[in-house]
Amino acid sequence: MQAVLDRGGYACVATHDPMRIEQMIDVERPSLILMDVVMPQRNGFQACRELKEHAEYSRIPVVLVSSKNTESDKFWAKQQGADGYVTKPFTSEELLGTVQRFVG
């Protein structure tokens, strides 16, 4: 994802530790958060819900990215506050199109 976004002209910062998401947000102040659903210790649904419940982070759009592609997965993502949902595998155009919807 990072390579696709870099080629698309977006500055990206990544973390592989779902327990550090808030810490990264405090430092980087992102315009958009792309987050996998399947992560250790804290899945993307949980992290999204917690971000959306936090006054300071709730306005940042969150797009969940996952190989989970059932309608119930997409519904659950929306219930947790996700602003978008991208299923794997995706094309570069799909990912960039989704990002452009939120950050132009």
PDB file of N, CA and C in Angstrom:
ATOM      1  N   MET A   1       0.821  -1.188   0.000  1.00  0.00           N
ATOM      2  CA  MET A   1       0.000   0.000   0.000  1.00  0.00           C
ATOM      3  C   MET A   1       0.865   1.251   0.000  1.00  0.00           C
ATOM      4  N   GLN A   2       1.901   1.222   0.815  1.00  0.00           N
ATOM      5  CA  GLN A   2       2.743   2.404   0.919  1.00  0.00           C
ATOM      6  C   GLN A   2       3.392   2.747  -0.419  1.00  0.00           C
ATOM      7  N   ALA A   3       3.859   1.750  -1.146  1.00  0.00           N
ATOM      8  CA  ALA A   3       4.490   1.998  -2.442  1.00  0.00           C
ATOM      9  C   ALA A   3       3.498   2.602  -3.424  1.00  0.00           C
ATOM     10  N   VAL A   4       2.278   2.097  -3.444  1.00  0.00           N
ATOM     11  CA  VAL A   4       1.246   2.629  -4.337  1.00  0.00           C
ATOM     12  C   VAL A   4       0.953   4.085  -3.996  1.00  0.00           C
ATOM     13  N   LEU A   5       0.817   4.364  -2.722  1.00  0.00           N
ATOM     14  CA  LEU A   5       0.505   5.726  -2.302  1.00  0.00           C
ATOM     15  C   LEU A   5       1.672   6.676  -2.542  1.00  0.00           C
ATOM     16  N   ASP A   6       2.895   6.195  -2.318  1.00  0.00           N
ATOM     17  CA  ASP A   6       4.079   7.016  -2.617  1.00  0.00           C
ATOM     18  C   ASP A   6       4.093   7.386  -4.099  1.00  0.00           C
ATOM     19  N   ARG A   7       3.864   6.395  -4.969  1.00  0.00           N
ATOM     20  CA  ARG A   7       3.828   6.667  -6.417  1.00  0.00           C
ATOM     21  C   ARG A   7       2.693   7.617  -6.787  1.00  0.00           C
ATOM     22  N   GLY A   8       1.627   7.593  -6.017  1.00  0.00           N
ATOM     23  CA  GLY A   8       0.493   8.478  -6.268  1.00  0.00           C
ATOM     24  C   GLY A   8       0.694   9.887  -5.734  1.00  0.00           C
ATOM     25  N   GLY A   9       1.842  10.122  -5.101  1.00  0.00           N
ATOM     26  CA  GLY A   9       2.155  11.459  -4.603  1.00  0.00           C
ATOM     27  C   GLY A   9       1.734  11.732  -3.178  1.00  0.00           C
ATOM     28  N   TYR A  10       1.371  10.702  -2.445  1.00  0.00           N
ATOM     29  CA  TYR A  10       0.960  10.869  -1.053  1.00  0.00           C
ATOM     30  C   TYR A  10       2.113  10.561  -0.114  1.00  0.00           C
ATOM     31  N   ALA A  11       2.279  11.370   0.911  1.00  0.00           N
ATOM     32  CA  ALA A  11       3.286  11.105   1.941  1.00  0.00           C
ATOM     33  C   ALA A  11       2.688  10.108   2.920  1.00  0.00           C
ATOM     34  N   CYS A  12       3.402   9.025   3.177  1.00  0.00           N
ATOM     35  CA  CYS A  12       2.884   7.954   4.032  1.00  0.00           C
ATOM     36  C   CYS A  12       3.797   7.707   5.226  1.00  0.00           C
ATOM     37  N   VAL A  13       3.169   7.333   6.300  1.00  0.00           N
ATOM     38  CA  VAL A  13       3.868   6.880   7.491  1.00  0.00           C
ATOM     39  C   VAL A  13       3.197   5.577   7.888  1.00  0.00           C
ATOM     40  N   ALA A  14       3.982   4.578   8.233  1.00  0.00           N
ATOM     41  CA  ALA A  14       3.407   3.268   8.556  1.00  0.00           C
ATOM     42  C   ALA A  14       3.882   2.790   9.919  1.00  0.00           C
ATOM     43  N   THR A  15       3.037   2.021  10.548  1.00  0.00           N
ATOM     44  CA  THR A  15       3.414   1.302  11.750  1.00  0.00           C
ATOM     45  C   THR A  15       2.855  -0.106  11.640  1.00  0.00           C
ATOM     46  N   HIS A  16       3.579  -1.037  12.162  1.00  0.00           N
ATOM     47  CA  HIS A  16       3.117  -2.424  12.168  1.00  0.00           C
ATOM     48  C   HIS A  16       2.633  -2.832  13.553  1.00  0.00           C
ATOM     49  N   ASP A  17       2.563  -1.868  14.449  1.00  0.00           N
ATOM     50  CA  ASP A  17       2.152  -2.121  15.822  1.00  0.00           C
ATOM     51  C   ASP A  17       0.816  -1.435  16.084  1.00  0.00           C
ATOM     52  N   PRO A  18      -0.276  -2.191  16.136  1.00  0.00           N
ATOM     53  CA  PRO A  18      -1.585  -1.576  16.326  1.00  0.00           C
ATOM     54  C   PRO A  18      -1.753  -0.885  17.679  1.00  0.00           C
ATOM     55  N   MET A  19      -0.858  -1.154  18.599  1.00  0.00           N
ATOM     56  CA  MET A  19      -0.932  -0.510  19.903  1.00  0.00           C
ATOM     57  C   MET A  19      -0.315   0.900  19.874  1.00  0.00           C
ATOM     58  N   ARG A  20       0.317   1.261  18.753  1.00  0.00           N
ATOM     59  CA  ARG A  20       0.973   2.569  18.637  1.00  0.00           C
ATOM     60  C   ARG A  20       0.214   3.534  17.724  1.00  0.00           C
ATOM     61  N   ILE A  21      -0.976   3.185  17.302  1.00  0.00           N
ATOM     62  CA  ILE A  21      -1.709   4.014  16.347  1.00  0.00           C
ATOM     63  C   ILE A  21      -1.927   5.430  16.892  1.00  0.00           C
ATOM     64  N   GLU A  22      -2.425   5.540  18.088  1.00  0.00           N
ATOM     65  CA  GLU A  22      -2.696   6.864  18.656  1.00  0.00           C
ATOM     66  C   GLU A  22      -1.410   7.673  18.793  1.00  0.00           C
ATOM     67  N   GLN A  23      -0.344   7.021  19.195  1.00  0.00           N
ATOM     68  CA  GLN A  23       0.953   7.680  19.318  1.00  0.00           C
ATOM     69  C   GLN A  23       1.396   8.244  17.965  1.00  0.00           C
ATOM     70  N   MET A  24       1.223   7.454  16.910  1.00  0.00           N
ATOM     71  CA  MET A  24       1.579   7.898  15.561  1.00  0.00           C
ATOM     72  C   MET A  24       0.708   9.081  15.135  1.00  0.00           C
ATOM     73  N   ILE A  25      -0.573   9.025  15.438  1.00  0.00           N
ATOM     74  CA  ILE A  25      -1.477  10.113  15.079  1.00  0.00           C
ATOM     75  C   ILE A  25      -1.054  11.406  15.765  1.00  0.00           C
ATOM     76  N   ASP A  26      -0.711  11.323  17.035  1.00  0.00           N
ATOM     77  CA  ASP A  26      -0.304  12.510  17.782  1.00  0.00           C
ATOM     78  C   ASP A  26       0.919  13.182  17.161  1.00  0.00           C
ATOM     79  N   VAL A  27       1.822  12.384  16.630  1.00  0.00           N
ATOM     80  CA  VAL A  27       3.048  12.924  16.037  1.00  0.00           C
ATOM     81  C   VAL A  27       2.825  13.365  14.591  1.00  0.00           C
ATOM     82  N   GLU A  28       2.165  12.537  13.805  1.00  0.00           N
ATOM     83  CA  GLU A  28       2.083  12.744  12.356  1.00  0.00           C
ATOM     84  C   GLU A  28       0.878  13.556  11.878  1.00  0.00           C
ATOM     85  N   ARG A  29      -0.217  13.568  12.636  1.00  0.00           N
ATOM     86  CA  ARG A  29      -1.443  14.279  12.266  1.00  0.00           C
ATOM     87  C   ARG A  29      -1.893  13.940  10.845  1.00  0.00           C
ATOM     88  N   PRO A  30      -2.251  12.685  10.603  1.00  0.00           N
ATOM     89  CA  PRO A  30      -2.608  12.251   9.240  1.00  0.00           C
ATOM     90  C   PRO A  30      -3.950  12.810   8.765  1.00  0.00           C
ATOM     91  N   SER A  31      -4.090  12.884   7.448  1.00  0.00           N
ATOM     92  CA  SER A  31      -5.356  13.289   6.826  1.00  0.00           C
ATOM     93  C   SER A  31      -6.277  12.103   6.651  1.00  0.00           C
ATOM     94  N   LEU A  32      -5.700  10.898   6.687  1.00  0.00           N
ATOM     95  CA  LEU A  32      -6.437   9.660   6.455  1.00  0.00           C
ATOM     96  C   LEU A  32      -5.685   8.519   7.113  1.00  0.00           C
ATOM     97  N   ILE A  33      -6.427   7.549   7.624  1.00  0.00           N
ATOM     98  CA  ILE A  33      -5.820   6.348   8.196  1.00  0.00           C
ATOM     99  C   ILE A  33      -6.292   5.146   7.378  1.00  0.00           C
ATOM    100  N   LEU A  34      -5.335   4.411   6.830  1.00  0.00           N
ATOM    101  CA  LEU A  34      -5.610   3.133   6.172  1.00  0.00           C
ATOM    102  C   LEU A  34      -5.158   2.062   7.142  1.00  0.00           C
ATOM    103  N   MET A  35      -6.046   1.143   7.469  1.00  0.00           N
ATOM    104  CA  MET A  35      -5.728   0.170   8.498  1.00  0.00           C
ATOM    105  C   MET A  35      -6.244  -1.208   8.123  1.00  0.00           C
ATOM    106  N   ASP A  36      -5.388  -2.201   8.301  1.00  0.00           N
ATOM    107  CA  ASP A  36      -5.801  -3.577   8.060  1.00  0.00           C
ATOM    108  C   ASP A  36      -6.765  -4.009   9.150  1.00  0.00           C
ATOM    109  N   VAL A  37      -7.607  -4.952   8.850  1.00  0.00           N
ATOM    110  CA  VAL A  37      -8.535  -5.490   9.843  1.00  0.00           C
ATOM    111  C   VAL A  37      -7.831  -6.534  10.703  1.00  0.00           C
ATOM    112  N   VAL A  38      -7.066  -7.406  10.081  1.00  0.00           N
ATOM    113  CA  VAL A  38      -6.420  -8.494  10.811  1.00  0.00           C
ATOM    114  C   VAL A  38      -5.044  -8.032  11.286  1.00  0.00           C
ATOM    115  N   MET A  39      -4.960  -7.771  12.593  1.00  0.00           N
ATOM    116  CA  MET A  39      -3.712  -7.343  13.217  1.00  0.00           C
ATOM    117  C   MET A  39      -3.584  -8.057  14.561  1.00  0.00           C
ATOM    118  N   PRO A  40      -2.367  -8.222  15.045  1.00  0.00           N
ATOM    119  CA  PRO A  40      -2.188  -8.851  16.357  1.00  0.00           C
ATOM    120  C   PRO A  40      -2.579  -7.895  17.483  1.00  0.00           C
ATOM    121  N   GLN A  41      -3.009  -8.432  18.593  1.00  0.00           N
ATOM    122  CA  GLN A  41      -3.335  -7.711  19.821  1.00  0.00           C
ATOM    123  C   GLN A  41      -4.587  -6.843  19.737  1.00  0.00           C
ATOM    124  N   ARG A  42      -4.855  -6.260  18.584  1.00  0.00           N
ATOM    125  CA  ARG A  42      -5.960  -5.311  18.445  1.00  0.00           C
ATOM    126  C   ARG A  42      -6.342  -5.294  16.965  1.00  0.00           C
ATOM    127  N   ASN A  43      -7.533  -5.763  16.663  1.00  0.00           N
ATOM    128  CA  ASN A  43      -7.887  -5.807  15.240  1.00  0.00           C
ATOM    129  C   ASN A  43      -8.356  -4.434  14.755  1.00  0.00           C
ATOM    130  N   GLY A  44      -8.454  -4.299  13.453  1.00  0.00           N
ATOM    131  CA  GLY A  44      -8.825  -3.025  12.859  1.00  0.00           C
ATOM    132  C   GLY A  44     -10.203  -2.540  13.252  1.00  0.00           C
ATOM    133  N   PHE A  45     -11.143  -3.456  13.460  1.00  0.00           N
ATOM    134  CA  PHE A  45     -12.472  -3.058  13.916  1.00  0.00           C
ATOM    135  C   PHE A  45     -12.382  -2.391  15.287  1.00  0.00           C
ATOM    136  N   GLN A  46     -11.634  -3.008  16.200  1.00  0.00           N
ATOM    137  CA  GLN A  46     -11.472  -2.456  17.546  1.00  0.00           C
ATOM    138  C   GLN A  46     -10.776  -1.099  17.494  1.00  0.00           C
ATOM    139  N   ALA A  47      -9.683  -1.038  16.755  1.00  0.00           N
ATOM    140  CA  ALA A  47      -8.918   0.204  16.679  1.00  0.00           C
ATOM    141  C   ALA A  47      -9.757   1.319  16.062  1.00  0.00           C
ATOM    142  N   CYS A  48     -10.504   1.018  15.017  1.00  0.00           N
ATOM    143  CA  CYS A  48     -11.357   2.017  14.377  1.00  0.00           C
ATOM    144  C   CYS A  48     -12.396   2.532  15.364  1.00  0.00           C
ATOM    145  N   ARG A  49     -13.066   1.639  16.059  1.00  0.00           N
ATOM    146  CA  ARG A  49     -14.082   2.031  17.035  1.00  0.00           C
ATOM    147  C   ARG A  49     -13.476   2.946  18.101  1.00  0.00           C
ATOM    148  N   GLU A  50     -12.301   2.575  18.598  1.00  0.00           N
ATOM    149  CA  GLU A  50     -11.661   3.371  19.644  1.00  0.00           C
ATOM    150  C   GLU A  50     -11.247   4.747  19.119  1.00  0.00           C
ATOM    151  N   LEU A  51     -10.767   4.812  17.894  1.00  0.00           N
ATOM    152  CA  LEU A  51     -10.409   6.109  17.310  1.00  0.00           C
ATOM    153  C   LEU A  51     -11.645   6.988  17.140  1.00  0.00           C
ATOM    154  N   LYS A  52     -12.726   6.403  16.666  1.00  0.00           N
ATOM    155  CA  LYS A  52     -13.940   7.171  16.415  1.00  0.00           C
ATOM    156  C   LYS A  52     -14.629   7.619  17.704  1.00  0.00           C
ATOM    157  N   GLU A  53     -14.340   6.948  18.812  1.00  0.00           N
ATOM    158  CA  GLU A  53     -14.897   7.348  20.109  1.00  0.00           C
ATOM    159  C   GLU A  53     -14.076   8.444  20.769  1.00  0.00           C
ATOM    160  N   HIS A  54     -12.889   8.710  20.259  1.00  0.00           N
ATOM    161  CA  HIS A  54     -11.968   9.697  20.821  1.00  0.00           C
ATOM    162  C   HIS A  54     -12.216  11.054  20.149  1.00  0.00           C
ATOM    163  N   ALA A  55     -12.501  12.065  20.937  1.00  0.00           N
ATOM    164  CA  ALA A  55     -12.859  13.380  20.390  1.00  0.00           C
ATOM    165  C   ALA A  55     -11.798  13.924  19.438  1.00  0.00           C
ATOM    166  N   GLU A  56     -10.540  13.777  19.770  1.00  0.00           N
ATOM    167  CA  GLU A  56      -9.471  14.356  18.954  1.00  0.00           C
ATOM    168  C   GLU A  56      -9.241  13.608  17.644  1.00  0.00           C
ATOM    169  N   TYR A  57      -9.497  12.307  17.627  1.00  0.00           N
ATOM    170  CA  TYR A  57      -9.208  11.492  16.446  1.00  0.00           C
ATOM    171  C   TYR A  57     -10.433  11.206  15.580  1.00  0.00           C
ATOM    172  N   SER A  58     -11.602  11.463  16.091  1.00  0.00           N
ATOM    173  CA  SER A  58     -12.834  11.008  15.432  1.00  0.00           C
ATOM    174  C   SER A  58     -13.071  11.618  14.054  1.00  0.00           C
ATOM    175  N   ARG A  59     -12.495  12.760  13.779  1.00  0.00           N
ATOM    176  CA  ARG A  59     -12.721  13.414  12.477  1.00  0.00           C
ATOM    177  C   ARG A  59     -11.787  12.912  11.384  1.00  0.00           C
ATOM    178  N   ILE A  60     -10.791  12.132  11.743  1.00  0.00           N
ATOM    179  CA  ILE A  60      -9.871  11.597  10.741  1.00  0.00           C
ATOM    180  C   ILE A  60     -10.558  10.421  10.050  1.00  0.00           C
ATOM    181  N   PRO A  61     -10.690  10.469   8.727  1.00  0.00           N
ATOM    182  CA  PRO A  61     -11.307   9.341   8.034  1.00  0.00           C
ATOM    183  C   PRO A  61     -10.468   8.063   8.205  1.00  0.00           C
ATOM    184  N   VAL A  62     -11.158   6.955   8.441  1.00  0.00           N
ATOM    185  CA  VAL A  62     -10.506   5.651   8.577  1.00  0.00           C
ATOM    186  C   VAL A  62     -11.042   4.741   7.477  1.00  0.00           C
ATOM    187  N   VAL A  63     -10.119   4.178   6.705  1.00  0.00           N
ATOM    188  CA  VAL A  63     -10.477   3.202   5.682  1.00  0.00           C
ATOM    189  C   VAL A  63      -9.873   1.874   6.109  1.00  0.00           C
ATOM    190  N   LEU A  64     -10.725   0.889   6.302  1.00  0.00           N
ATOM    191  CA  LEU A  64     -10.246  -0.442   6.650  1.00  0.00           C
ATOM    192  C   LEU A  64      -9.927  -1.212   5.377  1.00  0.00           C
ATOM    193  N   VAL A  65      -8.841  -1.967   5.434  1.00  0.00           N
ATOM    194  CA  VAL A  65      -8.372  -2.748   4.293  1.00  0.00           C
ATOM    195  C   VAL A  65      -8.310  -4.199   4.746  1.00  0.00           C
ATOM    196  N   SER A  66      -8.947  -5.092   3.978  1.00  0.00           N
ATOM    197  CA  SER A  66      -8.997  -6.474   4.443  1.00  0.00           C
ATOM    198  C   SER A  66      -9.298  -7.456   3.327  1.00  0.00           C
ATOM    199  N   SER A  67      -8.885  -8.687   3.549  1.00  0.00           N
ATOM    200  CA  SER A  67      -9.285  -9.769   2.653  1.00  0.00           C
ATOM    201  C   SER A  67     -10.677 -10.273   3.035  1.00  0.00           C
ATOM    202  N   LYS A  68     -11.194  -9.821   4.175  1.00  0.00           N
ATOM    203  CA  LYS A  68     -12.554 -10.162   4.592  1.00  0.00           C
ATOM    204  C   LYS A  68     -13.509  -9.364   3.705  1.00  0.00           C
ATOM    205  N   ASN A  69     -14.238 -10.068   2.837  1.00  0.00           N
ATOM    206  CA  ASN A  69     -15.015  -9.332   1.843  1.00  0.00           C
ATOM    207  C   ASN A  69     -16.503  -9.644   1.827  1.00  0.00           C
ATOM    208  N   THR A  70     -17.027 -10.140   2.920  1.00  0.00           N
ATOM    209  CA  THR A  70     -18.461 -10.402   2.952  1.00  0.00           C
ATOM    210  C   THR A  70     -19.215  -9.108   3.277  1.00  0.00           C
ATOM    211  N   GLU A  71     -20.480  -9.097   2.955  1.00  0.00           N
ATOM    212  CA  GLU A  71     -21.305  -7.929   3.274  1.00  0.00           C
ATOM    213  C   GLU A  71     -21.352  -7.695   4.781  1.00  0.00           C
ATOM    214  N   SER A  72     -21.322  -8.775   5.570  1.00  0.00           N
ATOM    215  CA  SER A  72     -21.358  -8.602   7.022  1.00  0.00           C
ATOM    216  C   SER A  72     -20.069  -7.949   7.531  1.00  0.00           C
ATOM    217  N   ASP A  73     -18.928  -8.250   6.894  1.00  0.00           N
ATOM    218  CA  ASP A  73     -17.670  -7.591   7.271  1.00  0.00           C
ATOM    219  C   ASP A  73     -17.749  -6.095   6.985  1.00  0.00           C
ATOM    220  N   LYS A  74     -18.265  -5.749   5.816  1.00  0.00           N
ATOM    221  CA  LYS A  74     -18.389  -4.338   5.435  1.00  0.00           C
ATOM    222  C   LYS A  74     -19.392  -3.621   6.345  1.00  0.00           C
ATOM    223  N   PHE A  75     -20.483  -4.306   6.674  1.00  0.00           N
ATOM    224  CA  PHE A  75     -21.484  -3.738   7.583  1.00  0.00           C
ATOM    225  C   PHE A  75     -20.866  -3.500   8.955  1.00  0.00           C
ATOM    226  N   TRP A  76     -20.137  -4.483   9.456  1.00  0.00           N
ATOM    227  CA  TRP A  76     -19.507  -4.363  10.777  1.00  0.00           C
ATOM    228  C   TRP A  76     -18.493  -3.219  10.790  1.00  0.00           C
ATOM    229  N   ALA A  77     -17.743  -3.058   9.707  1.00  0.00           N
ATOM    230  CA  ALA A  77     -16.780  -1.957   9.609  1.00  0.00           C
ATOM    231  C   ALA A  77     -17.498  -0.617   9.741  1.00  0.00           C
ATOM    232  N   LYS A  78     -18.603  -0.485   9.040  1.00  0.00           N
ATOM    233  CA  LYS A  78     -19.377   0.757   9.101  1.00  0.00           C
ATOM    234  C   LYS A  78     -19.913   0.987  10.517  1.00  0.00           C
ATOM    235  N   GLN A  79     -20.358  -0.097  11.166  1.00  0.00           N
ATOM    236  CA  GLN A  79     -20.863   0.005  12.537  1.00  0.00           C
ATOM    237  C   GLN A  79     -19.773   0.480  13.504  1.00  0.00           C
ATOM    238  N   GLN A  80     -18.527   0.185  13.197  1.00  0.00           N
ATOM    239  CA  GLN A  80     -17.414   0.585  14.058  1.00  0.00           C
ATOM    240  C   GLN A  80     -16.934   2.004  13.747  1.00  0.00           C
ATOM    241  N   GLY A  81     -17.507   2.619  12.708  1.00  0.00           N
ATOM    242  CA  GLY A  81     -17.174   3.993  12.359  1.00  0.00           C
ATOM    243  C   GLY A  81     -16.292   4.153  11.142  1.00  0.00           C
ATOM    244  N   ALA A  82     -15.965   3.066  10.462  1.00  0.00           N
ATOM    245  CA  ALA A  82     -15.106   3.166   9.275  1.00  0.00           C
ATOM    246  C   ALA A  82     -15.776   4.027   8.214  1.00  0.00           C
ATOM    247  N   ASP A  83     -14.978   4.861   7.591  1.00  0.00           N
ATOM    248  CA  ASP A  83     -15.475   5.738   6.536  1.00  0.00           C
ATOM    249  C   ASP A  83     -15.408   5.068   5.171  1.00  0.00           C
ATOM    250  N   GLY A  84     -14.590   4.038   5.061  1.00  0.00           N
ATOM    251  CA  GLY A  84     -14.445   3.310   3.815  1.00  0.00           C
ATOM    252  C   GLY A  84     -13.931   1.912   4.075  1.00  0.00           C
ATOM    253  N   TYR A  85     -13.996   1.072   3.045  1.00  0.00           N
ATOM    254  CA  TYR A  85     -13.581  -0.324   3.174  1.00  0.00           C
ATOM    255  C   TYR A  85     -13.047  -0.773   1.822  1.00  0.00           C
ATOM    256  N   VAL A  86     -11.826  -1.256   1.802  1.00  0.00           N
ATOM    257  CA  VAL A  86     -11.194  -1.742   0.576  1.00  0.00           C
ATOM    258  C   VAL A  86     -10.864  -3.211   0.784  1.00  0.00           C
ATOM    259  N   THR A  87     -11.265  -4.046  -0.174  1.00  0.00           N
ATOM    260  CA  THR A  87     -10.979  -5.477  -0.045  1.00  0.00           C
ATOM    261  C   THR A  87      -9.749  -5.858  -0.858  1.00  0.00           C
ATOM    262  N   LYS A  88      -8.972  -6.758  -0.271  1.00  0.00           N
ATOM    263  CA  LYS A  88      -7.800  -7.317  -0.939  1.00  0.00           C
ATOM    264  C   LYS A  88      -8.238  -8.516  -1.758  1.00  0.00           C
ATOM    265  N   PRO A  89      -7.652  -8.770  -2.869  1.00  0.00           N
ATOM    266  CA  PRO A  89      -6.649  -7.923  -3.514  1.00  0.00           C
ATOM    267  C   PRO A  89      -7.319  -6.727  -4.167  1.00  0.00           C
ATOM    268  N   PHE A  90      -6.607  -5.629  -4.235  1.00  0.00           N
ATOM    269  CA  PHE A  90      -7.114  -4.418  -4.868  1.00  0.00           C
ATOM    270  C   PHE A  90      -6.095  -3.943  -5.893  1.00  0.00           C
ATOM    271  N   THR A  91      -6.553  -3.144  -6.819  1.00  0.00           N
ATOM    272  CA  THR A  91      -5.644  -2.570  -7.806  1.00  0.00           C
ATOM    273  C   THR A  91      -5.125  -1.229  -7.273  1.00  0.00           C
ATOM    274  N   SER A  92      -4.061  -0.773  -7.854  1.00  0.00           N
ATOM    275  CA  SER A  92      -3.521   0.542  -7.488  1.00  0.00           C
ATOM    276  C   SER A  92      -4.578   1.615  -7.688  1.00  0.00           C
ATOM    277  N   GLU A  93      -5.319   1.509  -8.785  1.00  0.00           N
ATOM    278  CA  GLU A  93      -6.350   2.493  -9.094  1.00  0.00           C
ATOM    279  C   GLU A  93      -7.454   2.499  -8.039  1.00  0.00           C
ATOM    280  N   GLU A  94      -7.843   1.310  -7.572  1.00  0.00           N
ATOM    281  CA  GLU A  94      -8.872   1.238  -6.526  1.00  0.00           C
ATOM    282  C   GLU A  94      -8.402   1.914  -5.242  1.00  0.00           C
ATOM    283  N   LEU A  95      -7.178   1.614  -4.845  1.00  0.00           N
ATOM    284  CA  LEU A  95      -6.654   2.202  -3.613  1.00  0.00           C
ATOM    285  C   LEU A  95      -6.526   3.713  -3.751  1.00  0.00           C
ATOM    286  N   LEU A  96      -5.950   4.174  -4.846  1.00  0.00           N
ATOM    287  CA  LEU A  96      -5.787   5.617  -5.049  1.00  0.00           C
ATOM    288  C   LEU A  96      -7.133   6.317  -5.157  1.00  0.00           C
ATOM    289  N   GLY A  97      -8.100   5.689  -5.802  1.00  0.00           N
ATOM    290  CA  GLY A  97      -9.438   6.265  -5.901  1.00  0.00           C
ATOM    291  C   GLY A  97     -10.085   6.439  -4.538  1.00  0.00           C
ATOM    292  N   THR A  98      -9.902   5.457  -3.688  1.00  0.00           N
ATOM    293  CA  THR A  98     -10.454   5.540  -2.333  1.00  0.00           C
ATOM    294  C   THR A  98      -9.789   6.665  -1.560  1.00  0.00           C
ATOM    295  N   VAL A  99      -8.479   6.750  -1.629  1.00  0.00           N
ATOM    296  CA  VAL A  99      -7.754   7.804  -0.923  1.00  0.00           C
ATOM    297  C   VAL A  99      -8.188   9.172  -1.438  1.00  0.00           C
ATOM    298  N   GLN A 100      -8.315   9.317  -2.738  1.00  0.00           N
ATOM    299  CA  GLN A 100      -8.719  10.600  -3.327  1.00  0.00           C
ATOM    300  C   GLN A 100     -10.092  11.042  -2.871  1.00  0.00           C
ATOM    301  N   ARG A 101     -10.976  10.092  -2.602  1.00  0.00           N
ATOM    302  CA  ARG A 101     -12.317  10.451  -2.089  1.00  0.00           C
ATOM    303  C   ARG A 101     -12.233  11.196  -0.773  1.00  0.00           C
ATOM    304  N   PHE A 102     -11.211  10.900   0.019  1.00  0.00           N
ATOM    305  CA  PHE A 102     -11.114  11.481   1.356  1.00  0.00           C
ATOM    306  C   PHE A 102     -10.131  12.639   1.469  1.00  0.00           C
ATOM    307  N   VAL A 103      -9.060  12.612   0.681  1.00  0.00           N
ATOM    308  CA  VAL A 103      -8.047  13.669   0.831  1.00  0.00           C
ATOM    309  C   VAL A 103      -7.775  14.439  -0.450  1.00  0.00           C
ATOM    310  N   GLY A 104      -8.455  14.127  -1.509  1.00  0.00           N
ATOM    311  CA  GLY A 104      -8.309  14.843  -2.761  1.00  0.00           C
ATOM    312  C   GLY A 104      -7.037  14.583  -3.517  1.00  0.00           C
TER     313      GLY A 104
END
